[in-house]
Amino acid sequence: MSIIDDPSAPTARLRRDSSVALPPVPGAAGILHLGLGSFHRAHQAVYTAAALRADGGEWGIIGVASRSRRVVDALHAQDHLYAVATVSPDGTTLAIPGVHTDSYVAADDPARVVADLADPGIRVVTLTVTENGYSFSSASQHLDVTDPRVRADLRGGAPTSTIGQLARGLQARAAAGGAPVSILSCDNLLSNGSHTEKLVREFLQELPDAEGADVLSYLDRAVTFPSSMVDRIVPSTTPELADRVAGLLGVRDDVPVPAEPFTMWAIEDRFAGGRPAWEAGGAVFTDEVGAYEQLKVRLLNGTHSLIAYLGALRGVPTIPDAIALADVEAAAAAVLRGEYEPSVTAPVGVDIEQYERELFARWGNSALGHRTSQVGSDGSVKLGQRIPGPIAHALDRGEFPHLIALTVAAYLACIAPPAGFDPGPHAGAMTDPARERLTAVPTRGGRDLAHRAVVDLRLFGDEVAHRTAFVERVGDLVDTIVQRGVESAISDSLAAAGSLAHPST
């Protein structure tokens, strides 16, 4: 029974006048956040709440959703309050960040995004737009100027792409006096700060000299793009979670966010116009953000992808269900320790063995229920960040990344299943921007499909496209999945990997 049809459930909505202990009203907004999704609300917003409690300051957040009105409408109805539910097998605890001062939908008011970016009161712009939100071409390794939204943004008018919004907003800011500002990416991209800066500069360089020159000079003197690494598992909200939160609060919250207990944020301390005291919430300011990024993007995210695709093909709905399967757990351990770990250098003070033990405990958090379909979505973009370096590292030292090959094969079987193969409902629920391109031309067998994905479409960049043995191995594993089942593909991959002498195992 849900709170909708339960007559005993709370009917009053969470608001400032609720009989609930609430944080103080935040001061003026100093942060503009693009990408008002669950992750931001359970991560950066929580750190900002801690910063305001500890140090104050005008660091309220204006949240900008790309297109979805549901969260924005609910936040307006709830005085921009919502609960973060920290979920573990030991129970659920609630916190209300209360740091948002306003929110809106960019698609409804695209001109406001530019105006807010130009506002000198905004001193930090944060982003959680996912890897797919940067209009980046993995084939060219540059801004995708063939993207229709980027093309339109270059022509003028209110921009709709994230990079177009940033570039046009910084252009307006430069024209309005050029107050200093920092653009802080919080997405799972290696060197996400320099990556974002590169794309913004490439957009501006596409403009006529008269338009782009002044803003490029402004970027040089008053704009920074710090890198950061973010880490917290935040699954989708369910009706059951909303019921639990309502029972604990005693009022109804239409947009609660579930999250795991673990949270981490490593940030490069390069802020042109100041920043909140995020360290009060546990953020680490470090010169080793790149090492933290590799640790997370490869060990956590890369292994997470394999668990999701194998779990979906095995017919299980959640990551805890998948990691509970002995062969999936063995595959995860093999790819983590044998193929990802050798390609990373742990930051100073991080015990990599302890970090890995924590990963398996996090994946096994059965109370969280992170869905395989959610983790597996957008794999064409995610894997392009996670696998090229480890593949090259293994092959260049005479070893073969069999489990990473299995990751790609399982991804293809989920997203572009060969004719006659049903990958199951959890794979079917995955979304991916490359699905249409992968399925536009019929393929004949696994090697044909692998060649189309890796070589023709360059989904994982030029480096992987030229690794012929890897592409062929992916194709053979696709055929194994289709013809003999995913269990056989896991067994074959583990047997092949077992023949290699990995120093970490």
Protein backbone atom coordinates (compact mmCIF):
# COMPACT_ATOMS: atom_id res chain seq x y z
CA MET A 1 0.00 0.00 0.00
CA SER A 2 1.32 3.48 -0.87
CA ILE A 3 0.78 6.74 0.95
CA ILE A 4 -1.67 7.71 -1.79
CA ASP A 5 -4.22 5.08 -0.81
CA ASP A 6 -3.29 4.71 2.85
CA PRO A 7 -5.77 6.80 4.91
CA SER A 8 -3.39 6.81 7.89
CA ALA A 9 -0.46 8.22 5.90
CA PRO A 10 0.58 11.88 6.34
CA THR A 11 -1.21 14.25 3.99
CA ALA A 12 0.51 17.53 4.91
CA ARG A 13 3.40 18.39 2.63
CA LEU A 14 6.94 19.15 3.82
CA ARG A 15 7.27 22.94 4.04
CA ARG A 16 9.00 25.62 6.10
CA ASP A 17 5.96 25.76 8.39
CA SER A 18 6.00 21.98 9.01
CA SER A 19 6.49 20.67 12.52
CA VAL A 20 9.84 19.20 11.48
CA ALA A 21 13.31 20.30 12.57
CA LEU A 22 14.61 22.29 9.61
CA PRO A 23 17.87 24.00 8.68
CA PRO A 24 17.91 27.81 8.51
CA VAL A 25 16.91 29.56 5.31
CA PRO A 26 20.03 29.82 3.12
CA GLY A 27 21.50 33.20 2.26
CA ALA A 28 21.69 34.64 -1.22
CA ALA A 29 22.56 32.24 -4.01
CA GLY A 30 26.23 32.04 -4.86
CA ILE A 31 26.04 28.72 -6.71
CA LEU A 32 24.26 27.89 -9.96
CA HIS A 33 23.85 24.16 -10.47
CA LEU A 34 23.11 22.63 -13.88
CA GLY A 35 21.52 19.18 -13.64
CA LEU A 36 19.00 19.10 -10.79
CA GLY A 37 18.93 15.33 -10.42
CA SER A 38 19.05 12.98 -7.47
CA PHE A 39 22.83 12.79 -7.35
CA HIS A 40 23.31 16.52 -6.92
CA ARG A 41 20.63 16.66 -4.24
CA ALA A 42 22.25 13.81 -2.27
CA HIS A 43 25.84 14.92 -2.78
CA GLN A 44 26.87 18.53 -3.48
CA ALA A 45 23.78 19.89 -1.71
CA VAL A 46 24.63 17.88 1.42
CA TYR A 47 28.23 19.13 1.45
CA THR A 48 26.98 22.70 0.92
CA ALA A 49 24.59 22.34 3.86
CA ALA A 50 27.52 21.30 6.05
CA ALA A 51 29.56 24.24 4.77
CA LEU A 52 26.79 26.71 5.60
CA ARG A 53 26.37 25.26 9.09
CA ALA A 54 30.09 25.57 9.74
CA ASP A 55 31.04 28.78 8.01
CA GLY A 56 27.94 30.56 6.70
CA GLY A 57 28.24 32.69 3.59
CA GLU A 58 26.04 33.47 0.61
CA TRP A 59 26.20 30.03 -0.92
CA GLY A 60 22.59 29.17 -1.59
CA ILE A 61 22.03 27.09 -4.72
CA ILE A 62 19.86 27.86 -7.73
CA GLY A 63 19.07 24.46 -9.26
CA VAL A 64 18.48 24.15 -13.00
CA ALA A 65 16.83 21.03 -14.39
CA SER A 66 17.41 20.35 -18.05
CA ARG A 67 13.89 19.34 -19.09
CA SER A 68 12.06 17.54 -16.30
CA ARG A 69 9.50 19.62 -14.44
CA ARG A 70 8.55 17.03 -11.82
CA VAL A 71 11.32 17.78 -9.32
CA VAL A 72 11.13 21.54 -9.89
CA ASP A 73 7.37 21.62 -9.36
CA ALA A 74 7.69 19.57 -6.17
CA LEU A 75 10.51 21.72 -4.81
CA HIS A 76 8.50 24.89 -5.37
CA ALA A 77 5.55 23.34 -3.55
CA GLN A 78 7.85 22.32 -0.65
CA ASP A 79 9.76 25.61 -0.17
CA HIS A 80 12.73 23.84 -1.81
CA LEU A 81 12.94 21.30 1.00
CA TYR A 82 13.41 17.56 0.56
CA ALA A 83 14.90 14.68 2.54
CA VAL A 84 18.03 12.67 1.81
CA ALA A 85 17.44 9.16 3.10
CA THR A 86 20.67 7.35 3.95
CA VAL A 87 19.80 3.69 3.49
CA SER A 88 21.67 0.67 4.83
CA PRO A 89 20.76 -2.77 6.18
CA ASP A 90 20.89 -1.15 9.64
CA GLY A 91 18.05 1.23 8.82
CA THR A 92 17.22 4.60 7.27
CA THR A 93 18.24 8.02 8.56
CA LEU A 94 17.06 11.37 7.19
CA ALA A 95 18.66 14.75 6.61
CA ILE A 96 17.13 17.85 5.03
CA PRO A 97 19.81 19.96 3.28
CA GLY A 98 17.62 23.04 2.74
CA VAL A 99 20.22 24.88 0.63
CA HIS A 100 18.29 25.61 -2.56
CA THR A 101 16.96 29.13 -2.96
CA ASP A 102 15.23 28.61 -6.31
CA SER A 103 14.89 26.17 -9.19
CA TYR A 104 13.63 26.16 -12.74
CA VAL A 105 13.63 24.17 -15.97
CA ALA A 106 16.15 25.31 -18.58
CA ALA A 107 13.94 24.21 -21.47
CA ASP A 108 11.19 26.53 -20.17
CA ASP A 109 13.44 29.56 -19.75
CA PRO A 110 16.72 29.08 -21.64
CA ALA A 111 17.50 32.81 -21.58
CA ARG A 112 17.51 32.73 -17.76
CA VAL A 113 20.39 30.24 -17.75
CA VAL A 114 22.54 32.75 -19.62
CA ALA A 115 21.38 35.58 -17.34
CA ASP A 116 22.17 33.58 -14.19
CA LEU A 117 25.60 32.65 -15.52
CA ALA A 118 26.24 36.34 -16.12
CA ASP A 119 25.08 37.36 -12.62
CA PRO A 120 28.16 38.50 -10.62
CA GLY A 121 26.54 37.12 -7.46
CA ILE A 122 27.03 33.62 -8.85
CA ARG A 123 30.61 32.68 -8.04
CA VAL A 124 30.56 28.90 -8.59
CA VAL A 125 28.76 26.93 -11.30
CA THR A 126 28.50 23.19 -10.63
CA LEU A 127 27.43 20.52 -13.10
CA THR A 128 25.94 17.03 -12.89
CA VAL A 129 24.68 16.59 -16.44
CA THR A 130 26.07 13.01 -16.86
CA GLU A 131 28.82 12.01 -19.25
CA ASN A 132 26.33 12.28 -22.11
CA GLY A 133 25.67 15.97 -21.42
CA TYR A 134 28.97 17.40 -22.68
CA SER A 135 28.45 17.13 -26.47
CA PHE A 136 31.78 15.35 -26.73
CA SER A 137 32.66 13.20 -29.72
CA SER A 138 34.59 10.09 -28.70
CA ALA A 139 35.62 9.65 -32.35
CA SER A 140 37.17 13.11 -32.79
CA GLN A 141 37.99 13.71 -29.10
CA HIS A 142 36.62 17.23 -29.52
CA LEU A 143 33.36 19.14 -29.20
CA ASP A 144 30.74 17.47 -31.37
CA VAL A 145 29.95 20.34 -33.72
CA THR A 146 27.64 18.02 -35.68
CA ASP A 147 25.28 17.83 -32.69
CA PRO A 148 22.13 19.72 -33.79
CA ARG A 149 21.86 21.51 -30.43
CA VAL A 150 25.49 22.65 -30.57
CA ARG A 151 25.02 23.85 -34.16
CA ALA A 152 21.95 25.83 -33.13
CA ASP A 153 23.76 27.31 -30.12
CA LEU A 154 26.63 28.44 -32.35
CA ARG A 155 24.17 30.27 -34.61
CA GLY A 156 22.80 32.29 -31.69
CA GLY A 157 19.66 32.58 -29.62
CA ALA A 158 19.04 31.03 -26.22
CA PRO A 159 21.37 27.99 -25.95
CA THR A 160 20.11 24.51 -25.05
CA SER A 161 23.26 22.37 -24.86
CA THR A 162 25.28 22.42 -21.63
CA ILE A 163 28.46 23.59 -23.35
CA GLY A 164 26.50 26.20 -25.30
CA GLN A 165 24.91 27.45 -22.09
CA LEU A 166 28.28 27.76 -20.36
CA ALA A 167 29.94 29.46 -23.32
CA ARG A 168 27.12 31.90 -23.99
CA GLY A 169 26.74 32.61 -20.27
CA LEU A 170 30.45 33.34 -19.90
CA GLN A 171 30.23 35.54 -22.98
CA ALA A 172 27.45 37.55 -21.33
CA ARG A 173 29.38 37.63 -18.04
CA ALA A 174 32.47 39.01 -19.78
CA ALA A 175 30.37 41.72 -21.43
CA ALA A 176 28.78 42.62 -18.07
CA GLY A 177 32.06 43.31 -16.31
CA GLY A 178 33.79 39.97 -16.09
CA ALA A 179 33.33 39.00 -12.45
CA PRO A 180 35.45 35.95 -11.55
CA VAL A 181 33.73 32.56 -11.51
CA SER A 182 34.61 28.87 -11.30
CA ILE A 183 33.02 26.09 -13.36
CA LEU A 184 33.11 22.85 -11.35
CA SER A 185 32.22 19.64 -13.14
CA CYS A 186 30.95 16.87 -10.84
CA ASP A 187 30.48 14.24 -13.55
CA ASN A 188 32.34 10.96 -14.02
CA LEU A 189 34.83 12.23 -16.58
CA LEU A 190 38.59 11.91 -16.31
CA SER A 191 40.13 15.36 -15.78
CA ASN A 192 36.59 16.73 -15.83
CA GLY A 193 37.73 20.31 -15.19
CA SER A 194 40.14 20.54 -18.09
CA HIS A 195 37.72 18.49 -20.21
CA THR A 196 34.94 21.03 -19.61
CA GLU A 197 37.28 23.96 -20.23
CA LYS A 198 38.48 22.43 -23.50
CA LEU A 199 34.94 22.03 -24.80
CA VAL A 200 33.89 25.54 -23.77
CA ARG A 201 36.96 27.01 -25.47
CA GLU A 202 36.32 24.95 -28.60
CA PHE A 203 32.77 26.30 -28.72
CA LEU A 204 34.03 29.88 -28.39
CA GLN A 205 36.70 29.29 -31.04
CA GLU A 206 33.95 28.27 -33.47
CA LEU A 207 32.42 31.75 -33.15
CA PRO A 208 33.49 34.68 -35.34
CA ASP A 209 36.61 36.38 -33.96
CA ALA A 210 34.63 39.44 -32.92
CA GLU A 211 32.40 37.28 -30.72
CA GLY A 212 34.90 34.85 -29.25
CA ALA A 213 38.09 36.83 -28.67
CA ASP A 214 36.98 38.93 -25.69
CA VAL A 215 35.45 36.04 -23.79
CA LEU A 216 38.50 33.83 -24.38
CA SER A 217 40.63 36.60 -22.87
CA TYR A 218 38.20 36.75 -19.93
CA LEU A 219 38.56 33.00 -19.40
CA ASP A 220 42.32 33.41 -19.22
CA ARG A 221 42.19 36.00 -16.44
CA ALA A 222 39.07 35.33 -14.36
CA VAL A 223 37.61 31.85 -14.90
CA THR A 224 38.84 28.55 -13.48
CA PHE A 225 37.73 25.01 -14.17
CA PRO A 226 38.73 22.90 -11.14
CA SER A 227 38.53 19.13 -11.46
CA SER A 228 36.69 17.03 -8.93
CA MET A 229 35.87 13.43 -8.16
CA VAL A 230 32.44 12.62 -6.73
CA ASP A 231 31.33 9.32 -5.26
CA ARG A 232 28.05 8.24 -3.74
CA ILE A 233 25.62 5.60 -4.97
CA VAL A 234 22.22 7.26 -5.45
CA PRO A 235 19.56 4.95 -6.88
CA SER A 236 16.20 6.02 -8.23
CA THR A 237 13.51 6.95 -5.74
CA THR A 238 10.75 4.37 -5.33
CA PRO A 239 7.21 4.66 -3.93
CA GLU A 240 8.34 2.44 -1.06
CA LEU A 241 11.11 4.89 -0.18
CA ALA A 242 8.66 7.81 -0.29
CA ASP A 243 6.36 5.90 2.08
CA ARG A 244 9.22 5.24 4.50
CA VAL A 245 10.32 8.88 4.46
CA ALA A 246 6.76 10.09 5.05
CA GLY A 247 6.46 7.77 8.03
CA LEU A 248 9.73 9.00 9.52
CA LEU A 249 9.06 12.70 8.88
CA GLY A 250 5.37 12.75 9.68
CA VAL A 251 4.80 14.85 6.52
CA ARG A 252 4.76 14.02 2.84
CA ASP A 253 7.89 14.60 0.75
CA ASP A 254 7.27 14.14 -2.97
CA VAL A 255 10.95 14.16 -3.95
CA PRO A 256 13.03 12.34 -1.31
CA VAL A 257 16.39 10.99 -2.43
CA PRO A 258 17.83 7.63 -1.30
CA ALA A 259 21.60 7.27 -0.96
CA GLU A 260 24.18 4.92 0.50
CA PRO A 261 26.11 5.85 3.66
CA PHE A 262 29.42 6.18 1.79
CA THR A 263 30.22 9.58 0.28
CA MET A 264 33.41 11.15 -1.06
CA TRP A 265 34.35 14.38 -2.83
CA ALA A 266 37.90 15.24 -3.91
CA ILE A 267 38.34 18.73 -5.34
CA GLU A 268 41.14 20.73 -6.91
CA ASP A 269 41.32 23.98 -4.90
CA ARG A 270 41.33 26.50 -7.77
CA PHE A 271 38.41 28.87 -7.26
CA ALA A 272 38.46 32.30 -8.86
CA GLY A 273 35.70 33.88 -6.77
CA GLY A 274 35.78 31.95 -3.51
CA ARG A 275 33.98 28.78 -2.50
CA PRO A 276 31.95 27.25 0.35
CA ALA A 277 33.76 25.47 3.19
CA TRP A 278 32.92 22.07 1.71
CA GLU A 279 35.64 20.47 3.81
CA ALA A 280 33.23 20.85 6.74
CA GLY A 281 31.20 18.06 5.13
CA GLY A 282 34.27 15.89 4.54
CA ALA A 283 35.37 17.09 1.09
CA VAL A 284 39.08 16.63 0.41
CA PHE A 285 40.98 19.44 -1.34
CA THR A 286 43.91 17.89 -3.11
CA ASP A 287 46.41 18.12 -5.96
CA GLU A 288 45.72 14.43 -6.67
CA VAL A 289 42.21 14.70 -8.09
CA GLY A 290 43.37 12.76 -11.18
CA ALA A 291 44.37 9.80 -9.02
CA TYR A 292 41.02 9.90 -7.19
CA GLU A 293 39.24 10.07 -10.55
CA GLN A 294 41.06 7.02 -11.90
CA LEU A 295 40.37 5.09 -8.71
CA LYS A 296 36.67 5.82 -8.96
CA VAL A 297 36.07 5.76 -12.72
CA ARG A 298 37.95 2.51 -13.23
CA LEU A 299 37.66 0.46 -10.03
CA LEU A 300 34.18 1.52 -8.99
CA ASN A 301 32.47 2.60 -12.21
CA GLY A 302 34.16 0.16 -14.58
CA THR A 303 33.41 -2.82 -12.35
CA HIS A 304 29.91 -1.48 -11.64
CA SER A 305 29.18 -1.55 -15.38
CA LEU A 306 30.21 -5.20 -15.67
CA ILE A 307 28.02 -6.14 -12.69
CA ALA A 308 25.07 -4.29 -14.24
CA TYR A 309 25.30 -5.89 -17.69
CA LEU A 310 25.93 -9.39 -16.39
CA GLY A 311 23.17 -9.00 -13.81
CA ALA A 312 20.68 -7.78 -16.40
CA LEU A 313 21.52 -10.68 -18.71
CA ARG A 314 21.13 -13.06 -15.78
CA GLY A 315 17.64 -11.59 -15.24
CA VAL A 316 18.16 -9.86 -11.90
CA PRO A 317 16.82 -6.35 -11.23
CA THR A 318 19.36 -4.88 -8.80
CA ILE A 319 23.10 -4.61 -8.25
CA PRO A 320 22.90 -6.41 -4.87
CA ASP A 321 21.03 -9.26 -6.60
CA ALA A 322 23.74 -9.41 -9.26
CA ILE A 323 26.76 -9.34 -6.95
CA ALA A 324 25.12 -12.13 -4.90
CA LEU A 325 25.56 -14.45 -7.89
CA ALA A 326 28.83 -16.31 -7.41
CA ASP A 327 30.02 -16.06 -11.00
CA VAL A 328 29.18 -12.36 -11.27
CA GLU A 329 31.04 -11.68 -8.03
CA ALA A 330 34.03 -13.64 -9.35
CA ALA A 331 33.98 -11.69 -12.62
CA ALA A 332 33.78 -8.41 -10.70
CA ALA A 333 36.74 -9.37 -8.51
CA ALA A 334 38.77 -10.45 -11.54
CA VAL A 335 38.19 -7.28 -13.55
CA LEU A 336 38.71 -5.06 -10.51
CA ARG A 337 41.93 -6.58 -9.24
CA GLY A 338 43.40 -8.06 -12.40
CA GLU A 339 42.55 -5.49 -15.08
CA TYR A 340 41.60 -2.14 -13.52
CA GLU A 341 43.80 -1.99 -10.42
CA PRO A 342 47.13 -2.34 -12.29
CA SER A 343 46.24 0.76 -14.35
CA VAL A 344 45.75 3.13 -11.38
CA THR A 345 47.96 4.76 -8.79
CA ALA A 346 46.21 5.24 -5.47
CA PRO A 347 46.25 8.75 -3.98
CA VAL A 348 48.45 9.31 -0.94
CA GLY A 349 46.74 8.01 2.18
CA VAL A 350 44.26 5.74 0.37
CA ASP A 351 44.50 2.05 1.23
CA ILE A 352 43.51 0.46 -2.06
CA GLU A 353 42.77 -2.95 -0.53
CA GLN A 354 40.44 -1.37 2.02
CA TYR A 355 38.85 0.70 -0.77
CA GLU A 356 38.17 -2.47 -2.74
CA ARG A 357 36.64 -4.23 0.27
CA GLU A 358 34.36 -1.23 0.75
CA LEU A 359 33.30 -1.43 -2.90
CA PHE A 360 31.99 -4.97 -2.54
CA ALA A 361 30.17 -4.03 0.66
CA ARG A 362 28.60 -1.06 -1.12
CA TRP A 363 27.48 -3.14 -4.10
CA GLY A 364 25.99 -5.67 -1.71
CA ASN A 365 23.87 -3.09 0.16
CA SER A 366 20.58 -4.94 -0.30
CA ALA A 367 18.60 -2.17 1.36
CA LEU A 368 19.56 0.27 -1.39
CA GLY A 369 18.22 -1.66 -4.41
CA HIS A 370 20.28 0.12 -7.11
CA ARG A 371 18.83 -1.15 -10.41
CA THR A 372 20.95 -2.84 -13.07
CA SER A 373 19.02 -0.92 -15.74
CA GLN A 374 20.00 2.43 -14.18
CA VAL A 375 23.69 1.57 -13.84
CA GLY A 376 23.79 0.07 -17.34
CA SER A 377 22.25 3.06 -19.12
CA ASP A 378 24.41 5.35 -21.31
CA GLY A 379 27.14 2.74 -21.50
CA SER A 380 28.46 4.00 -24.83
CA VAL A 381 29.49 7.24 -23.10
CA LYS A 382 30.39 5.80 -19.70
CA LEU A 383 32.60 3.00 -20.98
CA GLY A 384 34.45 5.44 -23.21
CA GLN A 385 35.70 7.07 -20.01
CA ARG A 386 36.42 3.84 -18.16
CA ILE A 387 38.02 1.25 -20.40
CA PRO A 388 40.49 2.67 -22.98
CA GLY A 389 43.34 3.28 -20.52
CA PRO A 390 43.14 -0.10 -18.78
CA ILE A 391 42.85 -1.92 -22.13
CA ALA A 392 46.01 -0.24 -23.44
CA HIS A 393 47.81 -0.79 -20.13
CA ALA A 394 47.12 -4.54 -20.21
CA LEU A 395 47.87 -5.11 -23.89
CA ASP A 396 51.02 -3.03 -23.84
CA ARG A 397 52.47 -5.20 -21.09
CA GLY A 398 51.61 -8.42 -22.89
CA GLU A 399 48.44 -9.32 -21.02
CA PHE A 400 44.85 -9.47 -22.21
CA PRO A 401 41.85 -7.78 -20.54
CA HIS A 402 39.38 -10.65 -20.92
CA LEU A 403 36.94 -9.28 -18.34
CA ILE A 404 36.88 -5.81 -19.90
CA ALA A 405 36.19 -7.53 -23.21
CA LEU A 406 33.32 -9.32 -21.46
CA THR A 407 32.07 -5.94 -20.21
CA VAL A 408 31.85 -4.61 -23.77
CA ALA A 409 30.30 -7.83 -25.08
CA ALA A 410 27.68 -7.84 -22.35
CA TYR A 411 26.96 -4.15 -23.01
CA LEU A 412 26.41 -4.88 -26.71
CA ALA A 413 24.21 -7.89 -25.95
CA CYS A 414 22.06 -5.66 -23.72
CA ILE A 415 21.84 -2.58 -25.95
CA ALA A 416 22.04 -4.00 -29.48
CA PRO A 417 21.02 -7.66 -29.15
CA PRO A 418 21.49 -9.69 -32.34
CA ALA A 419 18.35 -10.81 -34.14
CA GLY A 420 16.56 -13.58 -32.26
CA PHE A 421 18.30 -12.91 -28.93
CA ASP A 422 16.25 -11.53 -26.04
CA PRO A 423 18.47 -9.95 -23.37
CA GLY A 424 15.57 -9.68 -20.92
CA PRO A 425 13.51 -6.84 -19.45
CA HIS A 426 16.27 -5.24 -17.38
CA ALA A 427 18.52 -4.87 -20.41
CA GLY A 428 15.52 -3.65 -22.40
CA ALA A 429 14.96 -0.89 -19.84
CA MET A 430 18.46 0.52 -20.38
CA THR A 431 18.76 3.71 -22.40
CA ASP A 432 21.73 4.57 -24.59
CA PRO A 433 22.45 7.36 -27.09
CA ALA A 434 24.22 4.90 -29.42
CA ARG A 435 21.39 2.35 -29.60
CA GLU A 436 19.98 3.61 -32.91
CA ARG A 437 23.41 3.82 -34.53
CA LEU A 438 24.28 0.33 -33.36
CA THR A 439 21.06 -1.19 -34.65
CA ALA A 440 20.64 0.91 -37.82
CA VAL A 441 22.55 -1.61 -39.92
CA PRO A 442 21.97 -5.36 -39.48
CA THR A 443 25.04 -7.21 -38.25
CA ARG A 444 26.10 -10.77 -38.98
CA GLY A 445 27.39 -12.33 -35.81
CA GLY A 446 29.29 -11.03 -32.81
CA ARG A 447 32.45 -9.94 -34.59
CA ASP A 448 30.43 -7.87 -37.03
CA LEU A 449 28.60 -6.16 -34.14
CA ALA A 450 31.85 -5.58 -32.23
CA HIS A 451 33.50 -4.12 -35.33
CA ARG A 452 30.58 -1.76 -35.88
CA ALA A 453 30.63 -0.53 -32.26
CA VAL A 454 34.37 -0.31 -31.66
CA VAL A 455 35.81 0.38 -35.11
CA ASP A 456 33.09 1.96 -37.28
CA LEU A 457 31.39 4.06 -34.62
CA ARG A 458 34.53 4.58 -32.51
CA LEU A 459 32.41 4.37 -29.33
CA PHE A 460 35.52 3.94 -27.20
CA GLY A 461 37.94 6.12 -29.14
CA ASP A 462 40.71 5.53 -31.67
CA GLU A 463 43.05 3.69 -29.30
CA VAL A 464 40.65 0.80 -28.71
CA ALA A 465 39.50 0.78 -32.35
CA HIS A 466 43.00 -0.18 -33.46
CA ARG A 467 43.28 -3.11 -31.03
CA THR A 468 42.15 -5.82 -33.44
CA ALA A 469 42.59 -8.75 -31.05
CA PHE A 470 40.44 -7.00 -28.46
CA VAL A 471 37.68 -6.27 -30.97
CA GLU A 472 37.66 -9.90 -32.12
CA ARG A 473 37.54 -11.17 -28.54
CA VAL A 474 34.55 -8.94 -27.83
CA GLY A 475 32.79 -10.35 -30.89
CA ASP A 476 33.48 -13.93 -29.87
CA LEU A 477 32.08 -13.26 -26.39
CA VAL A 478 28.93 -11.75 -27.90
CA ASP A 479 28.47 -14.99 -29.84
CA THR A 480 29.03 -16.99 -26.67
CA ILE A 481 26.38 -14.99 -24.82
CA VAL A 482 23.88 -15.42 -27.65
CA GLN A 483 24.56 -19.07 -28.42
CA ARG A 484 25.49 -20.60 -25.06
CA GLY A 485 24.35 -18.07 -22.48
CA VAL A 486 25.97 -15.40 -20.37
CA GLU A 487 27.04 -17.97 -17.77
CA SER A 488 29.27 -19.62 -20.37
CA ALA A 489 30.73 -16.26 -21.37
CA ILE A 490 31.57 -15.51 -17.73
CA SER A 491 33.13 -18.95 -17.28
CA ASP A 492 35.20 -18.64 -20.47
CA SER A 493 36.44 -15.18 -19.51
CA LEU A 494 37.39 -16.21 -16.00
CA ALA A 495 39.23 -19.26 -17.28
CA ALA A 496 41.18 -17.16 -19.79
CA ALA A 497 41.98 -14.50 -17.19
CA GLY A 498 43.09 -17.18 -14.75
CA SER A 499 45.87 -18.17 -17.10
CA LEU A 500 47.46 -14.77 -16.58
CA ALA A 501 49.71 -14.07 -13.62
CA HIS A 502 48.31 -10.87 -12.10
CA PRO A 503 50.42 -9.62 -9.20
CA SER A 504 47.30 -8.30 -7.42
CA THR A 505 45.56 -11.68 -7.18
